[in-house]
């Protein structure tokens, strides 16, 4: 049986180092609108706005890291349990959202090393974890070798229903008029070499074949 002290020990291999972040506190901020009352309360309490898609930010005091997770959720990390408790108390009465304390329910790992970006790419994210205020290139654009646009409005399911209703009631006369309302927030273009793309696709096909044989 593996003792807790053993699986918490740092691991170094292939130019990467992995270690547990002891005492790291984690929480998630959940809300209905990224620009609503709860977002305003977060800004007032932290001195930082909720991060934009694929971005991260730090609080004014540098103790909190906020990372975008979805249009209605932001991940929060801090080494200070006291700071998290203060924030939790301040947001307890904020409308249209909540803070869910995840401390004790998950472990935080810190990865360092030159091959980090490649490893995270293989795990299925963007090319690397975005630094505070910075978005990385799109993994989807790299693999598909195609231009990828991220629309300004991310809630496309609700937007589609609104478009259909607008067409039916005459808000828009036709699809051409509707198309003119579209706006792009970001554009990603392929940056991966053809050789690298071929290697990754071959590895994916090999993994798929093995999975189907089981």
N, C-alpha and C. Protein backbone atom coordinates (compact mmCIF):
# COMPACT_ATOMS: atom_id res chain seq x y z
N UNK A 1 0.84 -1.19 0.00
CA UNK A 1 0.00 0.00 0.00
C UNK A 1 0.88 1.25 0.00
N UNK A 2 0.55 2.22 -0.84
CA UNK A 2 1.33 3.43 -0.95
C UNK A 2 0.96 4.39 0.16
N UNK A 3 1.97 4.85 0.89
CA UNK A 3 1.73 5.80 1.96
C UNK A 3 1.49 7.20 1.38
N UNK A 4 0.65 8.03 2.07
CA UNK A 4 0.40 9.39 1.58
C UNK A 4 1.67 10.19 1.35
N UNK A 5 2.69 9.96 2.19
CA UNK A 5 3.94 10.71 2.04
C UNK A 5 4.64 10.36 0.73
N UNK A 6 4.38 9.14 0.20
CA UNK A 6 5.03 8.71 -1.03
C UNK A 6 4.37 9.35 -2.25
N UNK A 7 3.01 9.34 -2.29
CA UNK A 7 2.38 9.89 -3.49
C UNK A 7 2.36 11.41 -3.48
N UNK A 8 2.72 12.01 -2.37
CA UNK A 8 2.85 13.46 -2.32
C UNK A 8 4.28 13.92 -2.63
N UNK A 9 5.19 12.98 -2.76
CA UNK A 9 6.58 13.34 -3.04
C UNK A 9 6.70 13.89 -4.46
N UNK A 10 7.58 14.88 -4.67
CA UNK A 10 7.78 15.43 -6.02
C UNK A 10 8.21 14.36 -7.01
N UNK A 11 7.80 14.52 -8.25
CA UNK A 11 8.15 13.58 -9.32
C UNK A 11 8.86 14.37 -10.42
N UNK A 12 9.97 13.83 -10.90
CA UNK A 12 10.70 14.46 -11.99
C UNK A 12 10.97 13.42 -13.07
N UNK A 13 10.60 13.76 -14.30
CA UNK A 13 10.81 12.84 -15.42
C UNK A 13 10.68 13.60 -16.73
N UNK A 14 11.49 13.23 -17.70
CA UNK A 14 11.43 13.77 -19.05
C UNK A 14 11.42 15.29 -19.08
N UNK A 15 12.18 15.89 -18.18
CA UNK A 15 12.28 17.35 -18.18
C UNK A 15 11.16 18.06 -17.47
N UNK A 16 10.24 17.30 -16.84
CA UNK A 16 9.12 17.88 -16.13
C UNK A 16 9.22 17.58 -14.64
N UNK A 17 8.75 18.51 -13.83
CA UNK A 17 8.68 18.30 -12.39
C UNK A 17 7.25 18.53 -11.93
N UNK A 18 6.74 17.59 -11.13
CA UNK A 18 5.38 17.68 -10.63
C UNK A 18 5.42 17.61 -9.11
N UNK A 19 4.74 18.55 -8.48
CA UNK A 19 4.69 18.50 -7.02
C UNK A 19 3.35 19.02 -6.53
N UNK A 20 2.97 18.55 -5.35
CA UNK A 20 1.72 18.98 -4.74
C UNK A 20 1.87 20.40 -4.21
N UNK A 21 0.84 21.19 -4.39
CA UNK A 21 0.83 22.53 -3.81
C UNK A 21 0.13 22.44 -2.45
N UNK A 22 0.91 22.19 -1.42
CA UNK A 22 0.36 22.02 -0.09
C UNK A 22 -0.30 23.31 0.39
N UNK A 23 -1.49 23.17 0.94
CA UNK A 23 -2.19 24.31 1.52
C UNK A 23 -2.89 25.21 0.53
N UNK A 24 -2.86 24.87 -0.75
CA UNK A 24 -3.54 25.70 -1.74
C UNK A 24 -5.05 25.59 -1.59
N UNK A 25 -5.72 26.72 -1.55
CA UNK A 25 -7.17 26.77 -1.43
C UNK A 25 -7.80 26.95 -2.80
N UNK A 26 -8.94 26.33 -3.01
CA UNK A 26 -9.61 26.42 -4.31
C UNK A 26 -11.10 26.66 -4.13
N UNK A 27 -11.67 27.38 -5.06
CA UNK A 27 -13.11 27.64 -5.04
C UNK A 27 -13.55 27.90 -6.47
N UNK A 28 -14.84 27.87 -6.68
CA UNK A 28 -15.39 28.20 -7.98
C UNK A 28 -16.44 29.29 -7.81
N UNK A 29 -16.42 30.24 -8.70
CA UNK A 29 -17.41 31.31 -8.72
C UNK A 29 -18.42 30.99 -9.80
N UNK A 30 -19.67 30.89 -9.43
CA UNK A 30 -20.73 30.54 -10.40
C UNK A 30 -21.75 31.66 -10.45
N UNK A 31 -22.17 32.01 -11.65
CA UNK A 31 -23.03 33.17 -11.83
C UNK A 31 -23.85 33.02 -13.10
N UNK A 32 -24.88 33.85 -13.21
CA UNK A 32 -25.75 33.79 -14.39
C UNK A 32 -25.19 34.63 -15.54
N UNK A 33 -24.65 35.80 -15.20
CA UNK A 33 -24.14 36.70 -16.22
C UNK A 33 -22.73 37.17 -15.84
N UNK A 34 -21.76 37.08 -16.74
CA UNK A 34 -20.41 37.54 -16.42
C UNK A 34 -20.31 39.05 -16.24
N UNK A 35 -21.37 39.76 -16.61
CA UNK A 35 -21.37 41.21 -16.44
C UNK A 35 -22.45 41.68 -15.49
N UNK A 36 -22.99 40.75 -14.68
CA UNK A 36 -24.10 41.08 -13.80
C UNK A 36 -23.68 41.56 -12.42
N UNK A 37 -24.65 41.49 -11.49
CA UNK A 37 -24.43 41.99 -10.13
C UNK A 37 -23.35 41.20 -9.39
N UNK A 38 -23.31 39.89 -9.61
CA UNK A 38 -22.32 39.08 -8.90
C UNK A 38 -20.91 39.43 -9.39
N UNK A 39 -20.77 39.63 -10.70
CA UNK A 39 -19.47 40.01 -11.25
C UNK A 39 -19.02 41.34 -10.67
N UNK A 40 -19.95 42.26 -10.48
CA UNK A 40 -19.62 43.56 -9.90
C UNK A 40 -19.16 43.39 -8.45
N UNK A 41 -19.80 42.47 -7.72
CA UNK A 41 -19.41 42.21 -6.34
C UNK A 41 -18.02 41.59 -6.27
N UNK A 42 -17.70 40.71 -7.21
CA UNK A 42 -16.37 40.11 -7.27
C UNK A 42 -15.31 41.17 -7.53
N UNK A 43 -15.60 42.06 -8.47
CA UNK A 43 -14.66 43.14 -8.79
C UNK A 43 -14.39 44.02 -7.57
N UNK A 44 -15.46 44.34 -6.85
CA UNK A 44 -15.33 45.19 -5.67
C UNK A 44 -14.52 44.49 -4.56
N UNK A 45 -14.71 43.17 -4.44
CA UNK A 45 -14.06 42.42 -3.36
C UNK A 45 -12.61 42.07 -3.68
N UNK A 46 -12.28 41.93 -4.96
CA UNK A 46 -10.94 41.48 -5.35
C UNK A 46 -10.11 42.54 -6.05
N UNK A 47 -10.78 43.55 -6.58
CA UNK A 47 -10.06 44.55 -7.36
C UNK A 47 -9.75 44.07 -8.77
N UNK A 48 -10.39 42.99 -9.19
CA UNK A 48 -10.16 42.44 -10.54
C UNK A 48 -11.49 42.02 -11.14
N UNK A 49 -11.61 42.23 -12.44
CA UNK A 49 -12.81 41.79 -13.15
C UNK A 49 -12.74 40.30 -13.43
N UNK A 50 -13.89 39.68 -13.65
CA UNK A 50 -13.88 38.27 -14.05
C UNK A 50 -13.10 38.13 -15.35
N UNK A 51 -12.26 37.12 -15.46
CA UNK A 51 -11.44 36.98 -16.67
C UNK A 51 -12.27 36.66 -17.91
N UNK A 52 -11.76 37.09 -19.04
CA UNK A 52 -12.39 36.79 -20.32
C UNK A 52 -12.10 35.35 -20.71
N UNK A 53 -12.80 34.81 -21.73
CA UNK A 53 -12.56 33.43 -22.15
C UNK A 53 -11.10 33.11 -22.40
N UNK A 54 -10.64 31.99 -21.84
CA UNK A 54 -9.27 31.49 -21.98
C UNK A 54 -8.23 32.41 -21.37
N UNK A 55 -8.67 33.23 -20.41
CA UNK A 55 -7.74 34.12 -19.75
C UNK A 55 -7.73 33.89 -18.24
N UNK A 56 -6.74 34.45 -17.58
CA UNK A 56 -6.65 34.40 -16.13
C UNK A 56 -6.26 35.79 -15.64
N UNK A 57 -6.53 36.06 -14.38
CA UNK A 57 -6.22 37.37 -13.81
C UNK A 57 -5.88 37.20 -12.34
N UNK A 58 -5.26 38.21 -11.77
CA UNK A 58 -4.93 38.21 -10.36
C UNK A 58 -5.61 39.37 -9.65
N UNK A 59 -5.91 39.15 -8.38
CA UNK A 59 -6.54 40.19 -7.58
C UNK A 59 -5.55 41.33 -7.35
N UNK A 60 -6.08 42.45 -6.88
CA UNK A 60 -5.23 43.63 -6.66
C UNK A 60 -4.13 43.35 -5.64
N UNK A 61 -4.42 42.51 -4.64
CA UNK A 61 -3.41 42.21 -3.61
C UNK A 61 -2.49 41.06 -4.00
N UNK A 62 -2.73 40.44 -5.16
CA UNK A 62 -1.88 39.36 -5.64
C UNK A 62 -2.10 38.02 -4.96
N UNK A 63 -3.08 37.91 -4.07
CA UNK A 63 -3.30 36.67 -3.33
C UNK A 63 -4.27 35.72 -4.02
N UNK A 64 -5.05 36.23 -4.97
CA UNK A 64 -6.05 35.41 -5.63
C UNK A 64 -5.75 35.30 -7.12
N UNK A 65 -5.87 34.10 -7.66
CA UNK A 65 -5.78 33.89 -9.09
C UNK A 65 -7.14 33.45 -9.60
N UNK A 66 -7.68 34.15 -10.57
CA UNK A 66 -8.97 33.83 -11.16
C UNK A 66 -8.75 33.35 -12.58
N UNK A 67 -9.31 32.19 -12.92
CA UNK A 67 -9.13 31.61 -14.25
C UNK A 67 -10.48 31.27 -14.86
N UNK A 68 -10.68 31.71 -16.09
CA UNK A 68 -11.93 31.43 -16.80
C UNK A 68 -12.12 29.94 -16.97
N UNK A 69 -13.32 29.45 -16.70
CA UNK A 69 -13.61 28.03 -16.90
C UNK A 69 -14.76 27.83 -17.88
N UNK A 70 -15.76 28.69 -17.85
CA UNK A 70 -16.89 28.64 -18.77
C UNK A 70 -17.55 30.01 -18.74
N UNK A 71 -18.53 30.25 -19.63
CA UNK A 71 -19.20 31.56 -19.62
C UNK A 71 -19.88 31.90 -18.29
N UNK A 72 -20.14 30.90 -17.46
CA UNK A 72 -20.82 31.17 -16.19
C UNK A 72 -20.04 30.65 -14.98
N UNK A 73 -18.73 30.42 -15.15
CA UNK A 73 -17.95 29.90 -14.03
C UNK A 73 -16.48 30.34 -14.12
N UNK A 74 -15.93 30.70 -12.96
CA UNK A 74 -14.52 31.09 -12.85
C UNK A 74 -13.88 30.30 -11.71
N UNK A 75 -12.70 29.74 -11.98
CA UNK A 75 -11.97 29.01 -10.95
C UNK A 75 -11.11 29.99 -10.17
N UNK A 76 -11.05 29.80 -8.85
CA UNK A 76 -10.28 30.70 -7.99
C UNK A 76 -9.29 29.89 -7.16
N UNK A 77 -8.03 30.32 -7.13
CA UNK A 77 -6.99 29.66 -6.35
C UNK A 77 -6.29 30.69 -5.47
N UNK A 78 -5.92 30.28 -4.26
CA UNK A 78 -5.19 31.16 -3.36
C UNK A 78 -4.44 30.33 -2.32
N UNK A 79 -3.27 30.77 -1.89
CA UNK A 79 -2.55 30.05 -0.84
C UNK A 79 -3.05 30.42 0.56
N UNK A 80 -3.95 31.40 0.64
CA UNK A 80 -4.40 31.91 1.93
C UNK A 80 -5.83 31.49 2.24
N UNK A 81 -5.99 30.63 3.25
CA UNK A 81 -7.33 30.23 3.68
C UNK A 81 -8.08 31.42 4.26
N UNK A 82 -7.36 32.32 4.92
CA UNK A 82 -7.99 33.51 5.50
C UNK A 82 -8.54 34.42 4.41
N UNK A 83 -7.78 34.59 3.34
CA UNK A 83 -8.24 35.45 2.23
C UNK A 83 -9.46 34.86 1.56
N UNK A 84 -9.48 33.55 1.40
CA UNK A 84 -10.64 32.90 0.79
C UNK A 84 -11.86 33.03 1.68
N UNK A 85 -11.68 32.89 3.00
CA UNK A 85 -12.80 33.03 3.94
C UNK A 85 -13.36 34.44 3.90
N UNK A 86 -12.48 35.44 3.78
CA UNK A 86 -12.93 36.83 3.69
C UNK A 86 -13.76 37.05 2.43
N UNK A 87 -13.27 36.52 1.33
CA UNK A 87 -13.99 36.68 0.07
C UNK A 87 -15.34 35.96 0.12
N UNK A 88 -15.34 34.76 0.69
CA UNK A 88 -16.58 33.99 0.80
C UNK A 88 -17.62 34.75 1.61
N UNK A 89 -17.19 35.39 2.70
CA UNK A 89 -18.11 36.16 3.53
C UNK A 89 -18.66 37.38 2.79
N UNK A 90 -17.80 38.04 2.01
CA UNK A 90 -18.24 39.24 1.29
C UNK A 90 -19.20 38.92 0.16
N UNK A 91 -19.04 37.74 -0.44
CA UNK A 91 -19.90 37.37 -1.57
C UNK A 91 -21.14 36.59 -1.15
N UNK A 92 -21.26 36.29 0.13
CA UNK A 92 -22.37 35.46 0.60
C UNK A 92 -23.73 36.07 0.28
N UNK A 93 -23.84 37.38 0.32
CA UNK A 93 -25.12 38.04 0.07
C UNK A 93 -25.23 38.64 -1.32
N UNK A 94 -24.21 38.42 -2.16
CA UNK A 94 -24.24 38.97 -3.51
C UNK A 94 -25.28 38.24 -4.35
N UNK A 95 -26.11 38.97 -5.10
CA UNK A 95 -27.15 38.32 -5.91
C UNK A 95 -26.61 37.71 -7.19
N UNK A 96 -27.36 36.79 -7.75
CA UNK A 96 -27.11 36.21 -9.08
C UNK A 96 -25.83 35.38 -9.18
N UNK A 97 -25.33 34.86 -8.04
CA UNK A 97 -24.16 34.02 -8.10
C UNK A 97 -23.76 33.51 -6.74
N UNK A 98 -22.74 32.69 -6.70
CA UNK A 98 -22.28 32.16 -5.42
C UNK A 98 -20.82 31.72 -5.53
N UNK A 99 -20.17 31.60 -4.37
CA UNK A 99 -18.83 31.04 -4.27
C UNK A 99 -18.94 29.67 -3.63
N UNK A 100 -18.39 28.65 -4.29
CA UNK A 100 -18.40 27.29 -3.77
C UNK A 100 -16.98 26.92 -3.39
N UNK A 101 -16.73 26.71 -2.10
CA UNK A 101 -15.40 26.38 -1.60
C UNK A 101 -15.08 24.92 -1.91
N UNK A 102 -14.04 24.69 -2.68
CA UNK A 102 -13.65 23.33 -3.07
C UNK A 102 -12.46 22.82 -2.28
N UNK A 103 -11.93 23.63 -1.36
CA UNK A 103 -10.75 23.24 -0.59
C UNK A 103 -11.03 21.95 0.18
N UNK A 104 -10.09 21.02 0.09
CA UNK A 104 -10.27 19.72 0.73
C UNK A 104 -10.91 18.71 -0.20
N UNK A 105 -11.51 19.18 -1.27
CA UNK A 105 -12.15 18.27 -2.22
C UNK A 105 -11.33 18.02 -3.45
N UNK A 106 -10.22 18.70 -3.58
CA UNK A 106 -9.33 18.48 -4.72
C UNK A 106 -7.91 18.81 -4.32
N UNK A 107 -6.97 18.35 -5.13
CA UNK A 107 -5.56 18.64 -4.91
C UNK A 107 -5.06 19.49 -6.07
N UNK A 108 -4.14 20.39 -5.77
CA UNK A 108 -3.57 21.25 -6.79
C UNK A 108 -2.14 20.80 -7.08
N UNK A 109 -1.84 20.59 -8.35
CA UNK A 109 -0.50 20.19 -8.77
C UNK A 109 0.20 21.35 -9.47
N UNK A 110 1.47 21.51 -9.23
CA UNK A 110 2.27 22.50 -9.95
C UNK A 110 3.22 21.76 -10.88
N UNK A 111 3.14 22.06 -12.17
CA UNK A 111 4.01 21.47 -13.17
C UNK A 111 4.98 22.52 -13.67
N UNK A 112 6.24 22.16 -13.75
CA UNK A 112 7.25 23.06 -14.29
C UNK A 112 8.15 22.28 -15.24
N UNK A 113 8.75 22.97 -16.16
CA UNK A 113 9.66 22.33 -17.10
C UNK A 113 9.41 22.79 -18.52
N UNK A 114 10.40 22.65 -19.36
CA UNK A 114 10.32 23.12 -20.74
C UNK A 114 9.24 22.41 -21.56
N UNK A 115 9.00 21.08 -21.38
CA UNK A 115 7.98 20.39 -22.21
C UNK A 115 6.55 20.63 -21.73
N UNK A 116 6.33 21.60 -20.84
CA UNK A 116 5.00 21.78 -20.25
C UNK A 116 3.92 22.07 -21.28
N UNK A 117 4.19 22.97 -22.22
CA UNK A 117 3.18 23.32 -23.21
C UNK A 117 2.75 22.11 -24.03
N UNK A 118 3.73 21.28 -24.43
CA UNK A 118 3.40 20.08 -25.22
C UNK A 118 2.56 19.10 -24.42
N UNK A 119 2.88 18.93 -23.14
CA UNK A 119 2.12 18.03 -22.29
C UNK A 119 0.67 18.48 -22.17
N UNK A 120 0.47 19.76 -21.92
CA UNK A 120 -0.89 20.27 -21.76
C UNK A 120 -1.67 20.18 -23.07
N UNK A 121 -0.98 20.31 -24.19
CA UNK A 121 -1.63 20.14 -25.48
C UNK A 121 -2.15 18.71 -25.63
N UNK A 122 -1.35 17.73 -25.20
CA UNK A 122 -1.77 16.33 -25.30
C UNK A 122 -2.95 16.03 -24.38
N UNK A 123 -3.09 16.80 -23.31
CA UNK A 123 -4.22 16.60 -22.39
C UNK A 123 -5.51 17.18 -22.93
N UNK A 124 -5.43 17.91 -24.04
CA UNK A 124 -6.65 18.34 -24.71
C UNK A 124 -7.05 19.78 -24.52
N UNK A 125 -6.19 20.60 -23.92
CA UNK A 125 -6.54 22.00 -23.76
C UNK A 125 -6.00 22.83 -24.91
N UNK A 126 -5.78 24.11 -24.65
CA UNK A 126 -5.13 24.93 -25.64
C UNK A 126 -3.64 24.62 -25.58
N UNK A 127 -2.84 25.30 -26.34
CA UNK A 127 -1.42 24.95 -26.43
C UNK A 127 -0.72 25.02 -25.08
N UNK A 128 -1.19 25.85 -24.20
CA UNK A 128 -0.67 25.89 -22.84
C UNK A 128 -1.65 26.63 -21.96
N UNK A 129 -1.46 26.53 -20.67
CA UNK A 129 -2.32 27.26 -19.75
C UNK A 129 -2.08 28.75 -19.94
N UNK A 130 -3.12 29.55 -20.11
CA UNK A 130 -2.89 30.98 -20.33
C UNK A 130 -2.30 31.66 -19.11
N UNK A 131 -1.36 32.55 -19.33
CA UNK A 131 -0.84 33.36 -18.25
C UNK A 131 -1.88 34.41 -17.90
N UNK A 132 -1.75 35.07 -16.74
CA UNK A 132 -2.73 36.11 -16.38
C UNK A 132 -2.88 37.14 -17.49
N UNK A 133 -4.12 37.29 -17.99
CA UNK A 133 -4.40 38.26 -19.03
C UNK A 133 -4.01 37.87 -20.43
N UNK A 134 -3.65 36.62 -20.64
CA UNK A 134 -3.16 36.22 -21.95
C UNK A 134 -3.83 34.93 -22.41
N UNK A 135 -4.29 34.91 -23.65
CA UNK A 135 -4.91 33.70 -24.21
C UNK A 135 -3.92 33.04 -25.17
N UNK A 136 -3.93 31.75 -25.18
CA UNK A 136 -3.04 31.02 -26.08
C UNK A 136 -3.77 30.62 -27.36
N UNK A 137 -3.02 30.17 -28.33
CA UNK A 137 -3.59 29.79 -29.61
C UNK A 137 -4.53 28.61 -29.48
N UNK A 138 -5.39 28.48 -30.41
CA UNK A 138 -6.41 27.45 -30.35
C UNK A 138 -5.87 26.10 -30.79
N UNK A 139 -6.09 25.12 -29.93
CA UNK A 139 -5.69 23.75 -30.26
C UNK A 139 -6.53 23.24 -31.44
N UNK A 140 -7.78 23.64 -31.48
CA UNK A 140 -8.67 23.20 -32.54
C UNK A 140 -8.16 23.68 -33.90
N UNK A 141 -7.74 24.91 -34.00
CA UNK A 141 -7.22 25.44 -35.25
C UNK A 141 -5.98 24.68 -35.69
N UNK A 142 -5.12 24.34 -34.72
CA UNK A 142 -3.90 23.61 -35.04
C UNK A 142 -4.19 22.23 -35.62
N UNK A 143 -5.06 21.49 -34.95
CA UNK A 143 -5.33 20.11 -35.37
C UNK A 143 -6.12 20.06 -36.67
N UNK A 144 -7.10 20.94 -36.83
CA UNK A 144 -7.94 20.94 -38.03
C UNK A 144 -7.26 21.64 -39.21
N UNK A 145 -6.18 22.37 -38.93
CA UNK A 145 -5.50 23.18 -39.94
C UNK A 145 -6.52 24.10 -40.62
N UNK A 146 -7.25 24.82 -39.78
CA UNK A 146 -8.30 25.70 -40.28
C UNK A 146 -8.42 26.93 -39.39
N UNK A 147 -8.91 27.98 -39.94
CA UNK A 147 -9.19 29.21 -39.18
C UNK A 147 -10.38 28.96 -38.26
N UNK A 148 -10.25 29.35 -37.01
CA UNK A 148 -11.32 29.17 -36.04
C UNK A 148 -11.69 30.52 -35.46
N UNK A 149 -12.97 30.84 -35.49
CA UNK A 149 -13.46 32.10 -34.93
C UNK A 149 -14.21 31.84 -33.63
N UNK A 150 -13.95 32.69 -32.64
CA UNK A 150 -14.72 32.61 -31.41
C UNK A 150 -15.69 33.78 -31.40
N UNK A 151 -17.00 33.51 -31.39
CA UNK A 151 -17.97 34.61 -31.44
C UNK A 151 -17.96 35.44 -30.17
N UNK A 152 -18.37 36.67 -30.28
CA UNK A 152 -18.45 37.54 -29.11
C UNK A 152 -19.47 37.02 -28.12
N UNK A 153 -20.57 36.50 -28.63
CA UNK A 153 -21.61 35.93 -27.77
C UNK A 153 -21.40 34.42 -27.68
N UNK A 154 -21.03 33.93 -26.47
CA UNK A 154 -20.72 32.52 -26.29
C UNK A 154 -21.95 31.65 -26.05
N UNK A 155 -23.02 32.25 -25.60
CA UNK A 155 -24.25 31.48 -25.34
C UNK A 155 -25.01 31.29 -26.65
N UNK A 156 -24.44 30.50 -27.54
CA UNK A 156 -24.99 30.37 -28.89
C UNK A 156 -26.30 29.59 -28.95
N UNK A 157 -26.53 28.72 -27.99
CA UNK A 157 -27.81 27.97 -27.99
C UNK A 157 -28.98 28.92 -27.76
N UNK A 158 -28.87 29.74 -26.73
CA UNK A 158 -29.91 30.72 -26.45
C UNK A 158 -30.02 31.74 -27.58
N UNK A 159 -28.87 32.12 -28.14
CA UNK A 159 -28.87 33.08 -29.23
C UNK A 159 -29.58 32.52 -30.46
N UNK A 160 -29.36 31.24 -30.73
CA UNK A 160 -30.04 30.61 -31.87
C UNK A 160 -31.55 30.62 -31.71
N UNK A 161 -32.02 30.35 -30.50
CA UNK A 161 -33.47 30.38 -30.25
C UNK A 161 -34.01 31.80 -30.44
N UNK A 162 -33.24 32.80 -29.99
CA UNK A 162 -33.66 34.18 -30.16
C UNK A 162 -33.69 34.57 -31.64
N UNK A 163 -32.72 34.09 -32.40
CA UNK A 163 -32.69 34.37 -33.83
C UNK A 163 -33.92 33.80 -34.53
N UNK A 164 -34.28 32.55 -34.20
CA UNK A 164 -35.45 31.93 -34.81
C UNK A 164 -36.72 32.71 -34.48
N UNK A 165 -36.83 33.13 -33.22
CA UNK A 165 -38.00 33.91 -32.82
C UNK A 165 -38.02 35.25 -33.55
N UNK A 166 -36.84 35.87 -33.70
CA UNK A 166 -36.77 37.15 -34.39
C UNK A 166 -37.14 37.04 -35.86
N UNK A 167 -36.72 35.96 -36.51
CA UNK A 167 -37.09 35.74 -37.90
C UNK A 167 -38.60 35.53 -38.05
N UNK A 168 -39.16 34.79 -37.10
CA UNK A 168 -40.60 34.48 -37.17
C UNK A 168 -41.47 35.71 -36.94
N UNK A 169 -40.97 36.66 -36.14
CA UNK A 169 -41.77 37.84 -35.80
C UNK A 169 -41.40 39.08 -36.60
N UNK A 170 -40.44 38.94 -37.50
CA UNK A 170 -40.10 40.05 -38.37
C UNK A 170 -39.03 40.99 -37.85
N UNK A 171 -38.37 40.64 -36.76
CA UNK A 171 -37.26 41.48 -36.27
C UNK A 171 -36.16 41.54 -37.32
N UNK A 172 -35.89 40.40 -37.96
CA UNK A 172 -34.98 40.34 -39.10
C UNK A 172 -35.75 39.85 -40.31
N UNK A 173 -35.50 40.48 -41.44
CA UNK A 173 -36.28 40.14 -42.63
C UNK A 173 -35.85 38.83 -43.27
N UNK A 174 -34.56 38.51 -43.18
CA UNK A 174 -34.07 37.28 -43.78
C UNK A 174 -32.75 36.88 -43.13
N UNK A 175 -32.17 35.77 -43.59
CA UNK A 175 -30.93 35.27 -43.01
C UNK A 175 -29.76 36.22 -43.26
N UNK A 176 -29.78 36.93 -44.37
CA UNK A 176 -28.71 37.87 -44.66
C UNK A 176 -28.68 38.99 -43.63
N UNK A 177 -29.84 39.49 -43.26
CA UNK A 177 -29.93 40.54 -42.23
C UNK A 177 -29.47 40.00 -40.89
N UNK A 178 -29.82 38.75 -40.63
CA UNK A 178 -29.42 38.12 -39.38
C UNK A 178 -27.91 37.93 -39.31
N UNK A 179 -27.30 37.56 -40.42
CA UNK A 179 -25.86 37.33 -40.47
C UNK A 179 -25.07 38.60 -40.16
N UNK A 180 -25.64 39.75 -40.46
CA UNK A 180 -24.94 41.01 -40.21
C UNK A 180 -24.83 41.34 -38.73
N UNK A 181 -25.57 40.63 -37.89
CA UNK A 181 -25.47 40.87 -36.44
C UNK A 181 -24.32 40.10 -35.80
N UNK A 182 -23.71 39.20 -36.55
CA UNK A 182 -22.63 38.37 -36.00
C UNK A 182 -21.36 39.19 -35.79
N UNK A 183 -20.71 38.98 -34.67
CA UNK A 183 -19.44 39.65 -34.40
C UNK A 183 -18.45 38.65 -33.81
N UNK A 184 -17.20 38.80 -34.16
CA UNK A 184 -16.14 37.88 -33.74
C UNK A 184 -15.33 38.49 -32.61
N UNK A 185 -15.10 37.69 -31.55
CA UNK A 185 -14.30 38.16 -30.42
C UNK A 185 -12.82 37.85 -30.63
N UNK A 186 -12.53 36.73 -31.28
CA UNK A 186 -11.13 36.34 -31.48
C UNK A 186 -11.04 35.39 -32.67
N UNK A 187 -9.91 35.40 -33.32
CA UNK A 187 -9.65 34.52 -34.46
C UNK A 187 -8.37 33.74 -34.20
N UNK A 188 -8.41 32.43 -34.40
CA UNK A 188 -7.25 31.57 -34.21
C UNK A 188 -6.87 30.94 -35.55
N UNK A 189 -5.61 30.95 -35.87
CA UNK A 189 -5.13 30.35 -37.11
C UNK A 189 -4.12 29.26 -36.77
N UNK A 190 -3.96 28.27 -37.63
CA UNK A 190 -3.02 27.17 -37.35
C UNK A 190 -1.59 27.67 -37.19
N UNK A 191 -0.91 27.16 -36.17
CA UNK A 191 0.49 27.50 -35.95
C UNK A 191 1.37 26.25 -35.86
N UNK A 192 0.75 25.09 -35.88
CA UNK A 192 1.48 23.83 -35.75
C UNK A 192 2.05 23.39 -37.10
N UNK A 193 3.22 22.80 -37.11
CA UNK A 193 3.81 22.32 -38.35
C UNK A 193 3.06 21.08 -38.83
N UNK A 194 3.13 20.84 -40.13
CA UNK A 194 2.45 19.68 -40.70
C UNK A 194 2.98 18.38 -40.12
N UNK A 195 4.29 18.31 -39.89
CA UNK A 195 4.89 17.10 -39.34
C UNK A 195 4.38 16.83 -37.93
N UNK A 196 4.30 17.89 -37.13
CA UNK A 196 3.81 17.74 -35.76
C UNK A 196 2.35 17.32 -35.75
N UNK A 197 1.57 17.91 -36.64
CA UNK A 197 0.15 17.57 -36.73
C UNK A 197 -0.02 16.10 -37.12
N UNK A 198 0.75 15.64 -38.08
CA UNK A 198 0.67 14.25 -38.52
C UNK A 198 1.04 13.29 -37.40
N UNK A 199 2.03 13.64 -36.60
CA UNK A 199 2.43 12.79 -35.47
C UNK A 199 1.31 12.68 -34.45
N UNK A 200 0.68 13.80 -34.12
CA UNK A 200 -0.40 13.79 -33.14
C UNK A 200 -1.62 13.01 -33.64
N UNK A 201 -1.97 13.20 -34.92
CA UNK A 201 -3.12 12.48 -35.48
C UNK A 201 -2.84 10.98 -35.50
N UNK A 202 -1.62 10.59 -35.85
CA UNK A 202 -1.27 9.17 -35.86
C UNK A 202 -1.35 8.58 -34.46
N UNK A 203 -0.90 9.33 -33.47
CA UNK A 203 -0.99 8.86 -32.09
C UNK A 203 -2.43 8.71 -31.63
N UNK A 204 -3.27 9.66 -32.05
CA UNK A 204 -4.69 9.58 -31.70
C UNK A 204 -5.34 8.35 -32.34
N UNK A 205 -5.02 8.08 -33.60
CA UNK A 205 -5.60 6.91 -34.28
C UNK A 205 -5.14 5.61 -33.63
N UNK A 206 -3.88 5.58 -33.21
CA UNK A 206 -3.36 4.39 -32.54
C UNK A 206 -4.08 4.16 -31.21
N UNK A 207 -4.29 5.24 -30.45
CA UNK A 207 -5.00 5.12 -29.19
C UNK A 207 -6.45 4.68 -29.40
N UNK A 208 -7.07 5.18 -30.46
CA UNK A 208 -8.44 4.81 -30.77
C UNK A 208 -8.54 3.33 -31.13
N UNK A 209 -7.61 2.85 -31.93
CA UNK A 209 -7.61 1.44 -32.32
C UNK A 209 -7.46 0.53 -31.10
N UNK A 210 -6.59 0.90 -30.19
CA UNK A 210 -6.40 0.10 -28.98
C UNK A 210 -7.64 0.09 -28.12
N UNK A 211 -8.32 1.25 -28.04
CA UNK A 211 -9.53 1.32 -27.23
C UNK A 211 -10.66 0.47 -27.82
N UNK A 212 -10.75 0.47 -29.16
CA UNK A 212 -11.81 -0.29 -29.81
C UNK A 212 -11.59 -1.79 -29.75
N UNK A 213 -10.33 -2.22 -29.58
CA UNK A 213 -10.02 -3.65 -29.50
C UNK A 213 -10.35 -4.25 -28.14
N UNK A 214 -10.58 -3.41 -27.13
CA UNK A 214 -10.84 -3.91 -25.78
C UNK A 214 -12.29 -4.32 -25.62
